[in-house]
Amino acid sequence: MIFSGRLKDNYAFRKAYRKGKSAGGAYMLVYARKRAVPRSRLGLTVSTKIGKAVHRNRIKRRFREIYRLNEARLSPGYDIIIVARSKADGADYHRMEAEFLRLAEKVGILA
């Protein structure tokens, strides 16, 4: 994540959920909210209802890698939150990547 930071604060998550744009697919939900600063931040949410910690961490690693590889294609200056759905556990990487790009375009962050 060369151009981005991590989204960690609870208030930032809540603000993005409340005031950001959202789009959903089979494997994830994507929320995006414009920031005043030209640096993007990525936040990940994987519920404890999705498998054990090993599975949740694998899903988060995949989402971070999908974001990292496609970061240059995204517009800077957004808080981006990816919320995993239960189908993401055991899903094909390329399908998840294609869905992320489709949802990014839907919320307007794909450059």
PDB file of N, CA and C in Angstrom:
ATOM      1  N   MET A   1       0.842  -1.173   0.000  1.00  0.00           N
ATOM      2  CA  MET A   1       0.000   0.000   0.000  1.00  0.00           C
ATOM      3  C   MET A   1       0.894   1.246   0.000  1.00  0.00           C
ATOM      4  N   ILE A   2       1.394   1.552  -1.144  1.00  0.00           N
ATOM      5  CA  ILE A   2       2.326   2.653  -1.310  1.00  0.00           C
ATOM      6  C   ILE A   2       1.658   4.001  -1.059  1.00  0.00           C
ATOM      7  N   PHE A   3       0.495   4.198  -1.641  1.00  0.00           N
ATOM      8  CA  PHE A   3      -0.156   5.498  -1.604  1.00  0.00           C
ATOM      9  C   PHE A   3      -1.141   5.643  -0.447  1.00  0.00           C
ATOM     10  N   SER A   4      -1.345   4.600   0.315  1.00  0.00           N
ATOM     11  CA  SER A   4      -2.442   4.576   1.278  1.00  0.00           C
ATOM     12  C   SER A   4      -1.983   4.259   2.684  1.00  0.00           C
ATOM     13  N   GLY A   5      -2.907   4.501   3.609  1.00  0.00           N
ATOM     14  CA  GLY A   5      -2.699   4.141   4.995  1.00  0.00           C
ATOM     15  C   GLY A   5      -3.818   3.212   5.441  1.00  0.00           C
ATOM     16  N   ARG A   6      -3.820   2.916   6.707  1.00  0.00           N
ATOM     17  CA  ARG A   6      -4.847   2.047   7.273  1.00  0.00           C
ATOM     18  C   ARG A   6      -5.906   2.878   7.974  1.00  0.00           C
ATOM     19  N   LEU A   7      -7.127   2.428   7.881  1.00  0.00           N
ATOM     20  CA  LEU A   7      -8.254   3.041   8.571  1.00  0.00           C
ATOM     21  C   LEU A   7      -8.489   2.213   9.831  1.00  0.00           C
ATOM     22  N   LYS A   8      -8.297   2.816  11.009  1.00  0.00           N
ATOM     23  CA  LYS A   8      -8.373   2.063  12.261  1.00  0.00           C
ATOM     24  C   LYS A   8      -9.414   2.596  13.235  1.00  0.00           C
ATOM     25  N   ASP A   9      -9.682   3.895  13.179  1.00  0.00           N
ATOM     26  CA  ASP A   9     -10.533   4.524  14.190  1.00  0.00           C
ATOM     27  C   ASP A   9     -11.999   4.192  13.970  1.00  0.00           C
ATOM     28  N   ASN A  10     -12.672   3.893  15.076  1.00  0.00           N
ATOM     29  CA  ASN A  10     -14.083   3.532  15.022  1.00  0.00           C
ATOM     30  C   ASN A  10     -14.924   4.667  14.448  1.00  0.00           C
ATOM     31  N   TYR A  11     -14.634   5.912  14.827  1.00  0.00           N
ATOM     32  CA  TYR A  11     -15.431   7.037  14.335  1.00  0.00           C
ATOM     33  C   TYR A  11     -15.275   7.197  12.821  1.00  0.00           C
ATOM     34  N   ALA A  12     -14.103   6.894  12.286  1.00  0.00           N
ATOM     35  CA  ALA A  12     -13.892   6.988  10.839  1.00  0.00           C
ATOM     36  C   ALA A  12     -14.689   5.912  10.106  1.00  0.00           C
ATOM     37  N   PHE A  13     -14.746   4.717  10.678  1.00  0.00           N
ATOM     38  CA  PHE A  13     -15.567   3.654  10.099  1.00  0.00           C
ATOM     39  C   PHE A  13     -17.038   4.065  10.101  1.00  0.00           C
ATOM     40  N   ARG A  14     -17.505   4.555  11.248  1.00  0.00           N
ATOM     41  CA  ARG A  14     -18.915   4.938  11.343  1.00  0.00           C
ATOM     42  C   ARG A  14     -19.265   6.064  10.389  1.00  0.00           C
ATOM     43  N   LYS A  15     -18.365   7.028  10.227  1.00  0.00           N
ATOM     44  CA  LYS A  15     -18.605   8.140   9.310  1.00  0.00           C
ATOM     45  C   LYS A  15     -18.683   7.650   7.864  1.00  0.00           C
ATOM     46  N   ALA A  16     -17.817   6.715   7.501  1.00  0.00           N
ATOM     47  CA  ALA A  16     -17.830   6.164   6.142  1.00  0.00           C
ATOM     48  C   ALA A  16     -19.100   5.343   5.906  1.00  0.00           C
ATOM     49  N   TYR A  17     -19.533   4.592   6.916  1.00  0.00           N
ATOM     50  CA  TYR A  17     -20.771   3.822   6.774  1.00  0.00           C
ATOM     51  C   TYR A  17     -21.962   4.757   6.598  1.00  0.00           C
ATOM     52  N   ARG A  18     -21.989   5.827   7.376  1.00  0.00           N
ATOM     53  CA  ARG A  18     -23.143   6.723   7.394  1.00  0.00           C
ATOM     54  C   ARG A  18     -23.179   7.650   6.179  1.00  0.00           C
ATOM     55  N   LYS A  19     -22.038   8.227   5.792  1.00  0.00           N
ATOM     56  CA  LYS A  19     -22.044   9.262   4.767  1.00  0.00           C
ATOM     57  C   LYS A  19     -21.421   8.835   3.443  1.00  0.00           C
ATOM     58  N   GLY A  20     -20.863   7.637   3.375  1.00  0.00           N
ATOM     59  CA  GLY A  20     -20.195   7.204   2.151  1.00  0.00           C
ATOM     60  C   GLY A  20     -21.135   6.499   1.194  1.00  0.00           C
ATOM     61  N   LYS A  21     -20.628   6.271  -0.009  1.00  0.00           N
ATOM     62  CA  LYS A  21     -21.361   5.487  -1.001  1.00  0.00           C
ATOM     63  C   LYS A  21     -21.054   4.021  -0.767  1.00  0.00           C
ATOM     64  N   SER A  22     -21.996   3.144  -1.126  1.00  0.00           N
ATOM     65  CA  SER A  22     -21.769   1.722  -0.916  1.00  0.00           C
ATOM     66  C   SER A  22     -22.268   0.909  -2.098  1.00  0.00           C
ATOM     67  N   ALA A  23     -21.667  -0.252  -2.253  1.00  0.00           N
ATOM     68  CA  ALA A  23     -22.080  -1.212  -3.270  1.00  0.00           C
ATOM     69  C   ALA A  23     -21.777  -2.600  -2.730  1.00  0.00           C
ATOM     70  N   GLY A  24     -22.624  -3.553  -3.070  1.00  0.00           N
ATOM     71  CA  GLY A  24     -22.464  -4.897  -2.547  1.00  0.00           C
ATOM     72  C   GLY A  24     -22.423  -5.945  -3.627  1.00  0.00           C
ATOM     73  N   GLY A  25     -21.711  -7.023  -3.331  1.00  0.00           N
ATOM     74  CA  GLY A  25     -21.618  -8.160  -4.220  1.00  0.00           C
ATOM     75  C   GLY A  25     -21.726  -9.444  -3.421  1.00  0.00           C
ATOM     76  N   ALA A  26     -21.371 -10.548  -4.042  1.00  0.00           N
ATOM     77  CA  ALA A  26     -21.480 -11.847  -3.390  1.00  0.00           C
ATOM     78  C   ALA A  26     -20.420 -12.035  -2.310  1.00  0.00           C
ATOM     79  N   TYR A  27     -19.229 -11.462  -2.509  1.00  0.00           N
ATOM     80  CA  TYR A  27     -18.122 -11.697  -1.593  1.00  0.00           C
ATOM     81  C   TYR A  27     -17.831 -10.539  -0.654  1.00  0.00           C
ATOM     82  N   MET A  28     -18.303  -9.346  -0.994  1.00  0.00           N
ATOM     83  CA  MET A  28     -17.943  -8.187  -0.176  1.00  0.00           C
ATOM     84  C   MET A  28     -18.902  -7.023  -0.386  1.00  0.00           C
ATOM     85  N   LEU A  29     -18.836  -6.101   0.556  1.00  0.00           N
ATOM     86  CA  LEU A  29     -19.459  -4.788   0.441  1.00  0.00           C
ATOM     87  C   LEU A  29     -18.324  -3.775   0.415  1.00  0.00           C
ATOM     88  N   VAL A  30     -18.463  -2.735  -0.392  1.00  0.00           N
ATOM     89  CA  VAL A  30     -17.444  -1.691  -0.461  1.00  0.00           C
ATOM     90  C   VAL A  30     -18.103  -0.360  -0.131  1.00  0.00           C
ATOM     91  N   TYR A  31     -17.522   0.344   0.842  1.00  0.00           N
ATOM     92  CA  TYR A  31     -17.952   1.686   1.208  1.00  0.00           C
ATOM     93  C   TYR A  31     -16.820   2.641   0.850  1.00  0.00           C
ATOM     94  N   ALA A  32     -17.159   3.805   0.310  1.00  0.00           N
ATOM     95  CA  ALA A  32     -16.144   4.806  -0.029  1.00  0.00           C
ATOM     96  C   ALA A  32     -16.665   6.181   0.337  1.00  0.00           C
ATOM     97  N   ARG A  33     -15.787   6.951   0.983  1.00  0.00           N
ATOM     98  CA  ARG A  33     -16.137   8.310   1.390  1.00  0.00           C
ATOM     99  C   ARG A  33     -14.973   9.227   1.042  1.00  0.00           C
ATOM    100  N   LYS A  34     -15.255  10.321   0.383  1.00  0.00           N
ATOM    101  CA  LYS A  34     -14.234  11.288  -0.038  1.00  0.00           C
ATOM    102  C   LYS A  34     -13.643  11.985   1.181  1.00  0.00           C
ATOM    103  N   ARG A  35     -12.306  12.182   1.142  1.00  0.00           N
ATOM    104  CA  ARG A  35     -11.587  12.878   2.200  1.00  0.00           C
ATOM    105  C   ARG A  35     -11.047  14.194   1.665  1.00  0.00           C
ATOM    106  N   ALA A  36     -10.696  15.106   2.569  1.00  0.00           N
ATOM    107  CA  ALA A  36     -10.089  16.377   2.177  1.00  0.00           C
ATOM    108  C   ALA A  36      -8.612  16.195   1.858  1.00  0.00           C
ATOM    109  N   VAL A  37      -7.996  15.171   2.422  1.00  0.00           N
ATOM    110  CA  VAL A  37      -6.579  14.872   2.221  1.00  0.00           C
ATOM    111  C   VAL A  37      -6.440  13.965   0.997  1.00  0.00           C
ATOM    112  N   PRO A  38      -5.417  14.160   0.154  1.00  0.00           N
ATOM    113  CA  PRO A  38      -5.298  13.347  -1.065  1.00  0.00           C
ATOM    114  C   PRO A  38      -4.755  11.939  -0.849  1.00  0.00           C
ATOM    115  N   ARG A  39      -4.691  11.471   0.383  1.00  0.00           N
ATOM    116  CA  ARG A  39      -4.188  10.130   0.672  1.00  0.00           C
ATOM    117  C   ARG A  39      -5.348   9.229   1.083  1.00  0.00           C
ATOM    118  N   SER A  40      -5.451   8.065   0.472  1.00  0.00           N
ATOM    119  CA  SER A  40      -6.525   7.124   0.784  1.00  0.00           C
ATOM    120  C   SER A  40      -6.171   6.291   2.010  1.00  0.00           C
ATOM    121  N   ARG A  41      -7.234   5.738   2.624  1.00  0.00           N
ATOM    122  CA  ARG A  41      -7.051   4.814   3.743  1.00  0.00           C
ATOM    123  C   ARG A  41      -7.936   3.600   3.490  1.00  0.00           C
ATOM    124  N   LEU A  42      -7.433   2.426   3.850  1.00  0.00           N
ATOM    125  CA  LEU A  42      -8.173   1.175   3.661  1.00  0.00           C
ATOM    126  C   LEU A  42      -8.543   0.598   5.016  1.00  0.00           C
ATOM    127  N   GLY A  43      -9.811   0.226   5.160  1.00  0.00           N
ATOM    128  CA  GLY A  43     -10.294  -0.444   6.358  1.00  0.00           C
ATOM    129  C   GLY A  43     -10.922  -1.765   5.982  1.00  0.00           C
ATOM    130  N   LEU A  44     -10.688  -2.792   6.781  1.00  0.00           N
ATOM    131  CA  LEU A  44     -11.219  -4.128   6.509  1.00  0.00           C
ATOM    132  C   LEU A  44     -12.059  -4.590   7.686  1.00  0.00           C
ATOM    133  N   THR A  45     -13.167  -5.237   7.373  1.00  0.00           N
ATOM    134  CA  THR A  45     -14.035  -5.790   8.406  1.00  0.00           C
ATOM    135  C   THR A  45     -14.396  -7.214   8.025  1.00  0.00           C
ATOM    136  N   VAL A  46     -14.067  -8.149   8.921  1.00  0.00           N
ATOM    137  CA  VAL A  46     -14.434  -9.548   8.728  1.00  0.00           C
ATOM    138  C   VAL A  46     -15.063 -10.019  10.036  1.00  0.00           C
ATOM    139  N   SER A  47     -16.322 -10.378   9.992  1.00  0.00           N
ATOM    140  CA  SER A  47     -17.066 -10.766  11.186  1.00  0.00           C
ATOM    141  C   SER A  47     -16.560 -12.079  11.762  1.00  0.00           C
ATOM    142  N   THR A  48     -16.714 -12.234  13.070  1.00  0.00           N
ATOM    143  CA  THR A  48     -16.333 -13.492  13.714  1.00  0.00           C
ATOM    144  C   THR A  48     -17.273 -14.633  13.326  1.00  0.00           C
ATOM    145  N   LYS A  49     -18.363 -14.313  12.657  1.00  0.00           N
ATOM    146  CA  LYS A  49     -19.271 -15.352  12.157  1.00  0.00           C
ATOM    147  C   LYS A  49     -18.657 -16.110  10.984  1.00  0.00           C
ATOM    148  N   ILE A  50     -17.607 -15.537  10.386  1.00  0.00           N
ATOM    149  CA  ILE A  50     -16.957 -16.161   9.232  1.00  0.00           C
ATOM    150  C   ILE A  50     -15.773 -16.969   9.716  1.00  0.00           C
ATOM    151  N   GLY A  51     -15.959 -18.240   9.944  1.00  0.00           N
ATOM    152  CA  GLY A  51     -14.875 -19.160  10.257  1.00  0.00           C
ATOM    153  C   GLY A  51     -14.063 -18.812  11.486  1.00  0.00           C
ATOM    154  N   LYS A  52     -12.939 -19.497  11.592  1.00  0.00           N
ATOM    155  CA  LYS A  52     -11.998 -19.260  12.693  1.00  0.00           C
ATOM    156  C   LYS A  52     -11.038 -18.140  12.300  1.00  0.00           C
ATOM    157  N   ALA A  53     -10.155 -17.773  13.212  1.00  0.00           N
ATOM    158  CA  ALA A  53      -9.234 -16.662  12.999  1.00  0.00           C
ATOM    159  C   ALA A  53      -8.345 -16.886  11.775  1.00  0.00           C
ATOM    160  N   VAL A  54      -7.957 -18.120  11.524  1.00  0.00           N
ATOM    161  CA  VAL A  54      -7.114 -18.425  10.368  1.00  0.00           C
ATOM    162  C   VAL A  54      -7.819 -18.034   9.072  1.00  0.00           C
ATOM    163  N   HIS A  55      -9.097 -18.357   8.966  1.00  0.00           N
ATOM    164  CA  HIS A  55      -9.879 -18.038   7.762  1.00  0.00           C
ATOM    165  C   HIS A  55     -10.094 -16.535   7.635  1.00  0.00           C
ATOM    166  N   ARG A  56     -10.403 -15.880   8.754  1.00  0.00           N
ATOM    167  CA  ARG A  56     -10.614 -14.428   8.716  1.00  0.00           C
ATOM    168  C   ARG A  56      -9.341 -13.698   8.308  1.00  0.00           C
ATOM    169  N   ASN A  57      -8.193 -14.128   8.839  1.00  0.00           N
ATOM    170  CA  ASN A  57      -6.931 -13.491   8.481  1.00  0.00           C
ATOM    171  C   ASN A  57      -6.570 -13.723   7.022  1.00  0.00           C
ATOM    172  N   ARG A  58      -6.883 -14.893   6.489  1.00  0.00           N
ATOM    173  CA  ARG A  58      -6.630 -15.169   5.072  1.00  0.00           C
ATOM    174  C   ARG A  58      -7.472 -14.253   4.188  1.00  0.00           C
ATOM    175  N   ILE A  59      -8.722 -14.054   4.572  1.00  0.00           N
ATOM    176  CA  ILE A  59      -9.601 -13.159   3.810  1.00  0.00           C
ATOM    177  C   ILE A  59      -9.038 -11.736   3.832  1.00  0.00           C
ATOM    178  N   LYS A  60      -8.594 -11.275   5.005  1.00  0.00           N
ATOM    179  CA  LYS A  60      -8.028  -9.929   5.106  1.00  0.00           C
ATOM    180  C   LYS A  60      -6.752  -9.791   4.280  1.00  0.00           C
ATOM    181  N   ARG A  61      -5.900 -10.813   4.297  1.00  0.00           N
ATOM    182  CA  ARG A  61      -4.688 -10.771   3.471  1.00  0.00           C
ATOM    183  C   ARG A  61      -5.029 -10.685   1.994  1.00  0.00           C
ATOM    184  N   ARG A  62      -6.043 -11.421   1.572  1.00  0.00           N
ATOM    185  CA  ARG A  62      -6.457 -11.370   0.167  1.00  0.00           C
ATOM    186  C   ARG A  62      -6.988  -9.992  -0.199  1.00  0.00           C
ATOM    187  N   PHE A  63      -7.813  -9.416   0.658  1.00  0.00           N
ATOM    188  CA  PHE A  63      -8.350  -8.082   0.381  1.00  0.00           C
ATOM    189  C   PHE A  63      -7.227  -7.050   0.310  1.00  0.00           C
ATOM    190  N   ARG A  64      -6.259  -7.117   1.217  1.00  0.00           N
ATOM    191  CA  ARG A  64      -5.133  -6.184   1.180  1.00  0.00           C
ATOM    192  C   ARG A  64      -4.322  -6.344  -0.100  1.00  0.00           C
ATOM    193  N   GLU A  65      -4.132  -7.579  -0.540  1.00  0.00           N
ATOM    194  CA  GLU A  65      -3.370  -7.824  -1.764  1.00  0.00           C
ATOM    195  C   GLU A  65      -4.135  -7.340  -2.993  1.00  0.00           C
ATOM    196  N   ILE A  66      -5.427  -7.573  -3.034  1.00  0.00           N
ATOM    197  CA  ILE A  66      -6.253  -7.071  -4.137  1.00  0.00           C
ATOM    198  C   ILE A  66      -6.160  -5.555  -4.194  1.00  0.00           C
ATOM    199  N   TYR A  67      -6.260  -4.918  -3.037  1.00  0.00           N
ATOM    200  CA  TYR A  67      -6.166  -3.461  -2.988  1.00  0.00           C
ATOM    201  C   TYR A  67      -4.783  -2.989  -3.424  1.00  0.00           C
ATOM    202  N   ARG A  68      -3.726  -3.634  -2.924  1.00  0.00           N
ATOM    203  CA  ARG A  68      -2.362  -3.230  -3.233  1.00  0.00           C
ATOM    204  C   ARG A  68      -2.077  -3.305  -4.730  1.00  0.00           C
ATOM    205  N   LEU A  69      -2.519  -4.375  -5.370  1.00  0.00           N
ATOM    206  CA  LEU A  69      -2.239  -4.555  -6.789  1.00  0.00           C
ATOM    207  C   LEU A  69      -3.035  -3.594  -7.674  1.00  0.00           C
ATOM    208  N   ASN A  70      -4.178  -3.143  -7.195  1.00  0.00           N
ATOM    209  CA  ASN A  70      -5.037  -2.264  -7.988  1.00  0.00           C
ATOM    210  C   ASN A  70      -5.060  -0.832  -7.471  1.00  0.00           C
ATOM    211  N   GLU A  71      -4.199  -0.518  -6.540  1.00  0.00           N
ATOM    212  CA  GLU A  71      -4.191   0.795  -5.905  1.00  0.00           C
ATOM    213  C   GLU A  71      -3.963   1.930  -6.902  1.00  0.00           C
ATOM    214  N   ALA A  72      -3.116   1.706  -7.876  1.00  0.00           N
ATOM    215  CA  ALA A  72      -2.816   2.750  -8.862  1.00  0.00           C
ATOM    216  C   ALA A  72      -4.017   3.055  -9.754  1.00  0.00           C
ATOM    217  N   ARG A  73      -4.950   2.120  -9.852  1.00  0.00           N
ATOM    218  CA  ARG A  73      -6.144   2.315 -10.679  1.00  0.00           C
ATOM    219  C   ARG A  73      -7.259   3.055  -9.942  1.00  0.00           C
ATOM    220  N   LEU A  74      -7.091   3.259  -8.640  1.00  0.00           N
ATOM    221  CA  LEU A  74      -8.122   3.900  -7.828  1.00  0.00           C
ATOM    222  C   LEU A  74      -7.815   5.382  -7.652  1.00  0.00           C
ATOM    223  N   SER A  75      -8.848   6.174  -7.530  1.00  0.00           N
ATOM    224  CA  SER A  75      -8.691   7.609  -7.282  1.00  0.00           C
ATOM    225  C   SER A  75      -8.181   7.826  -5.861  1.00  0.00           C
ATOM    226  N   PRO A  76      -7.240   8.754  -5.662  1.00  0.00           N
ATOM    227  CA  PRO A  76      -6.730   9.011  -4.313  1.00  0.00           C
ATOM    228  C   PRO A  76      -7.690   9.883  -3.509  1.00  0.00           C
ATOM    229  N   GLY A  77      -7.524   9.849  -2.186  1.00  0.00           N
ATOM    230  CA  GLY A  77      -8.290  10.726  -1.311  1.00  0.00           C
ATOM    231  C   GLY A  77      -9.609  10.158  -0.837  1.00  0.00           C
ATOM    232  N   TYR A  78      -9.677   8.849  -0.611  1.00  0.00           N
ATOM    233  CA  TYR A  78     -10.905   8.204  -0.150  1.00  0.00           C
ATOM    234  C   TYR A  78     -10.630   7.347   1.065  1.00  0.00           C
ATOM    235  N   ASP A  79     -11.642   7.230   1.927  1.00  0.00           N
ATOM    236  CA  ASP A  79     -11.674   6.193   2.942  1.00  0.00           C
ATOM    237  C   ASP A  79     -12.427   5.038   2.313  1.00  0.00           C
ATOM    238  N   ILE A  80     -11.770   3.899   2.187  1.00  0.00           N
ATOM    239  CA  ILE A  80     -12.370   2.731   1.542  1.00  0.00           C
ATOM    240  C   ILE A  80     -12.484   1.631   2.584  1.00  0.00           C
ATOM    241  N   ILE A  81     -13.694   1.096   2.736  1.00  0.00           N
ATOM    242  CA  ILE A  81     -13.922   0.008   3.678  1.00  0.00           C
ATOM    243  C   ILE A  81     -14.431  -1.186   2.896  1.00  0.00           C
ATOM    244  N   ILE A  82     -13.822  -2.339   3.147  1.00  0.00           N
ATOM    245  CA  ILE A  82     -14.273  -3.586   2.549  1.00  0.00           C
ATOM    246  C   ILE A  82     -14.806  -4.459   3.673  1.00  0.00           C
ATOM    247  N   VAL A  83     -16.060  -4.866   3.545  1.00  0.00           N
ATOM    248  CA  VAL A  83     -16.696  -5.729   4.527  1.00  0.00           C
ATOM    249  C   VAL A  83     -16.888  -7.090   3.875  1.00  0.00           C
ATOM    250  N   ALA A  84     -16.302  -8.117   4.486  1.00  0.00           N
ATOM    251  CA  ALA A  84     -16.377  -9.465   3.921  1.00  0.00           C
ATOM    252  C   ALA A  84     -17.741 -10.089   4.168  1.00  0.00           C
ATOM    253  N   ARG A  85     -18.202 -10.804   3.173  1.00  0.00           N
ATOM    254  CA  ARG A  85     -19.404 -11.629   3.339  1.00  0.00           C
ATOM    255  C   ARG A  85     -18.962 -13.075   3.526  1.00  0.00           C
ATOM    256  N   SER A  86     -19.866 -13.914   3.985  1.00  0.00           N
ATOM    257  CA  SER A  86     -19.501 -15.293   4.319  1.00  0.00           C
ATOM    258  C   SER A  86     -19.020 -16.088   3.106  1.00  0.00           C
ATOM    259  N   LYS A  87     -19.453 -15.739   1.906  1.00  0.00           N
ATOM    260  CA  LYS A  87     -18.999 -16.437   0.700  1.00  0.00           C
ATOM    261  C   LYS A  87     -17.529 -16.182   0.402  1.00  0.00           C
ATOM    262  N   ALA A  88     -16.940 -15.149   1.001  1.00  0.00           N
ATOM    263  CA  ALA A  88     -15.534 -14.824   0.760  1.00  0.00           C
ATOM    264  C   ALA A  88     -14.604 -15.906   1.299  1.00  0.00           C
ATOM    265  N   ASP A  89     -15.064 -16.670   2.281  1.00  0.00           N
ATOM    266  CA  ASP A  89     -14.268 -17.760   2.842  1.00  0.00           C
ATOM    267  C   ASP A  89     -14.195 -18.889   1.816  1.00  0.00           C
ATOM    268  N   GLY A  90     -13.023 -19.125   1.296  1.00  0.00           N
ATOM    269  CA  GLY A  90     -12.840 -20.191   0.313  1.00  0.00           C
ATOM    270  C   GLY A  90     -13.143 -19.777  -1.117  1.00  0.00           C
ATOM    271  N   ALA A  91     -13.356 -18.494  -1.364  1.00  0.00           N
ATOM    272  CA  ALA A  91     -13.680 -18.023  -2.713  1.00  0.00           C
ATOM    273  C   ALA A  91     -12.414 -17.925  -3.561  1.00  0.00           C
ATOM    274  N   ASP A  92     -12.595 -17.976  -4.869  1.00  0.00           N
ATOM    275  CA  ASP A  92     -11.492 -17.856  -5.814  1.00  0.00           C
ATOM    276  C   ASP A  92     -10.962 -16.425  -5.809  1.00  0.00           C
ATOM    277  N   TYR A  93      -9.648 -16.277  -5.781  1.00  0.00           N
ATOM    278  CA  TYR A  93      -9.009 -14.964  -5.710  1.00  0.00           C
ATOM    279  C   TYR A  93      -9.396 -14.079  -6.891  1.00  0.00           C
ATOM    280  N   HIS A  94      -9.377 -14.629  -8.087  1.00  0.00           N
ATOM    281  CA  HIS A  94      -9.642 -13.831  -9.288  1.00  0.00           C
ATOM    282  C   HIS A  94     -11.088 -13.341  -9.345  1.00  0.00           C
ATOM    283  N   ARG A  95     -12.002 -14.133  -8.840  1.00  0.00           N
ATOM    284  CA  ARG A  95     -13.399 -13.684  -8.768  1.00  0.00           C
ATOM    285  C   ARG A  95     -13.548 -12.547  -7.762  1.00  0.00           C
ATOM    286  N   MET A  96     -12.836 -12.659  -6.644  1.00  0.00           N
ATOM    287  CA  MET A  96     -12.887 -11.597  -5.642  1.00  0.00           C
ATOM    288  C   MET A  96     -12.291 -10.309  -6.198  1.00  0.00           C
ATOM    289  N   GLU A  97     -11.205 -10.414  -6.933  1.00  0.00           N
ATOM    290  CA  GLU A  97     -10.570  -9.238  -7.519  1.00  0.00           C
ATOM    291  C   GLU A  97     -11.486  -8.587  -8.549  1.00  0.00           C
ATOM    292  N   ALA A  98     -12.111  -9.400  -9.401  1.00  0.00           N
ATOM    293  CA  ALA A  98     -13.023  -8.857 -10.409  1.00  0.00           C
ATOM    294  C   ALA A  98     -14.210  -8.170  -9.746  1.00  0.00           C
ATOM    295  N   GLU A  99     -14.714  -8.751  -8.665  1.00  0.00           N
ATOM    296  CA  GLU A  99     -15.834  -8.139  -7.964  1.00  0.00           C
ATOM    297  C   GLU A  99     -15.423  -6.830  -7.304  1.00  0.00           C
ATOM    298  N   PHE A 100     -14.218  -6.785  -6.717  1.00  0.00           N
ATOM    299  CA  PHE A 100     -13.750  -5.541  -6.115  1.00  0.00           C
ATOM    300  C   PHE A 100     -13.677  -4.422  -7.147  1.00  0.00           C
ATOM    301  N   LEU A 101     -13.128  -4.712  -8.305  1.00  0.00           N
ATOM    302  CA  LEU A 101     -13.022  -3.686  -9.347  1.00  0.00           C
ATOM    303  C   LEU A 101     -14.395  -3.233  -9.828  1.00  0.00           C
ATOM    304  N   ARG A 102     -15.327  -4.166  -9.936  1.00  0.00           N
ATOM    305  CA  ARG A 102     -16.687  -3.810 -10.351  1.00  0.00           C
ATOM    306  C   ARG A 102     -17.349  -2.920  -9.299  1.00  0.00           C
ATOM    307  N   LEU A 103     -17.186  -3.254  -8.028  1.00  0.00           N
ATOM    308  CA  LEU A 103     -17.785  -2.466  -6.967  1.00  0.00           C
ATOM    309  C   LEU A 103     -17.101  -1.112  -6.816  1.00  0.00           C
ATOM    310  N   ALA A 104     -15.789  -1.075  -7.034  1.00  0.00           N
ATOM    311  CA  ALA A 104     -15.058   0.198  -6.988  1.00  0.00           C
ATOM    312  C   ALA A 104     -15.558   1.143  -8.059  1.00  0.00           C
ATOM    313  N   GLU A 105     -15.838   0.604  -9.223  1.00  0.00           N
ATOM    314  CA  GLU A 105     -16.386   1.434 -10.302  1.00  0.00           C
ATOM    315  C   GLU A 105     -17.784   1.915  -9.939  1.00  0.00           C
ATOM    316  N   LYS A 106     -18.547   1.054  -9.284  1.00  0.00           N
ATOM    317  CA  LYS A 106     -19.916   1.399  -8.912  1.00  0.00           C
ATOM    318  C   LYS A 106     -19.971   2.538  -7.895  1.00  0.00           C
ATOM    319  N   VAL A 107     -19.035   2.568  -6.952  1.00  0.00           N
ATOM    320  CA  VAL A 107     -19.027   3.640  -5.949  1.00  0.00           C
ATOM    321  C   VAL A 107     -18.244   4.852  -6.420  1.00  0.00           C
ATOM    322  N   GLY A 108     -17.603   4.756  -7.572  1.00  0.00           N
ATOM    323  CA  GLY A 108     -16.961   5.923  -8.177  1.00  0.00           C
ATOM    324  C   GLY A 108     -15.534   6.178  -7.756  1.00  0.00           C
ATOM    325  N   ILE A 109     -14.802   5.138  -7.344  1.00  0.00           N
ATOM    326  CA  ILE A 109     -13.411   5.349  -6.937  1.00  0.00           C
ATOM    327  C   ILE A 109     -12.428   4.807  -7.966  1.00  0.00           C
ATOM    328  N   LEU A 110     -12.915   4.167  -9.006  1.00  0.00           N
ATOM    329  CA  LEU A 110     -12.029   3.658 -10.047  1.00  0.00           C
ATOM    330  C   LEU A 110     -11.707   4.797 -10.996  1.00  0.00           C
ATOM    331  N   ALA A 111     -10.408   5.080 -11.149  1.00  0.00           N
ATOM    332  CA  ALA A 111      -9.982   6.213 -11.981  1.00  0.00           C
ATOM    333  C   ALA A 111     -10.108   5.881 -13.458  1.00  0.00           C
TER     334      ALA A 111
END
